[in-house]
Amino acid sequence: MPTPRVVVLDYGFGNVRSAVRALARAGADVELTADKAAATEAEGLVVPGVGAFAAVMAGLRAVGGDQVVDRRLAGGRPVLGICVGMQVMFGEGVEHGKHTEGLGEWPGVVDRLDADVVPHMGWATVDAPEDSVLFDGLHDERFYFVHSYAARAFPLTDSPTERLTPPLVTWSEHGDRFVAAVENGPLSATQFHPEKSGDAGAHLLRNWLDSLR
C-alpha cells in the first residue's frame, strides 16, 4: 500500500516533534510545516496542541490554519486533532472566565473539568463505540491524558436525524464524563496524546493512517 503523506501543522503550539516521530514510526511520510499549500494538499493533516485554548486559536489563525482545516473538511480531506488541537474544533472554549471562539466544526463548549484533582494527568481507559475505526483492535487499552479542560457534552449526539448521522464519540471519566475522542467523517480527534500512549497510541495512529489509503 502507498505511504500516506501527512502534514503536522507547525503553528508554534503543540507536541510537534513527538507527534512527527510517532506518525513516522506508524508508517507515514511526515512533514512538519506551516505552509498552507502543503497542509491543504497532504493526504492527512494533524493539528496538535498544548496549553491554553485562546493561545492555540491565536496561533492557528496566525498561520491560516483555521482556513486550512475548513477547506480540507469541506473537501472531505482527513484531519486529526490532538489534545487542545481537538478542543479547538468545538464552538467555544472557556478558561478563567474568558470565552474564546473555536473553529466551530462541532457545537459545544470546552471548559474546566469538574474533578477533585486537576489537571487530569496519567493513563485512563476509554469507552469507544463498537464501530469505531480509530479504536479498532484497542478494547480495554489505556491512553495518556494531560489536560485541565474538556468537552463534557456532545450536542450532535443528543438529537440525531435521518439526514444527519451523529459522530462516533468516545468517552472517558475524570471527576465526571468527558469526550475522549470523536470520529466525524473526515474529522477525527483525541483528547489524549496517542504519541505518548505507547503501543496503544501507535496502533490508533496506524488505524488513522490506514483510513487515508
Foldseek 3Di string as FASTA:
>chain_A
DDAFEEEEEDQPFFPPVLVQVLLVVLGHNYDYYLDLVSQLPGQEYEYGHDDDLQVSQVSCVVSVVLVSVVNCVVVLRAYEYEASRVVLCEQWEADPNDIDGGSHVFYFYKYFDQAPDPDPFAKFFKAWDPPDLLCVVPPPAIFTAHHGIFTQDGVQVVDDDPVHDGWTFMWTDHNHIGTQWTDDRRYIYGNTDLSPGPPSSSSSSSSVSVVSD
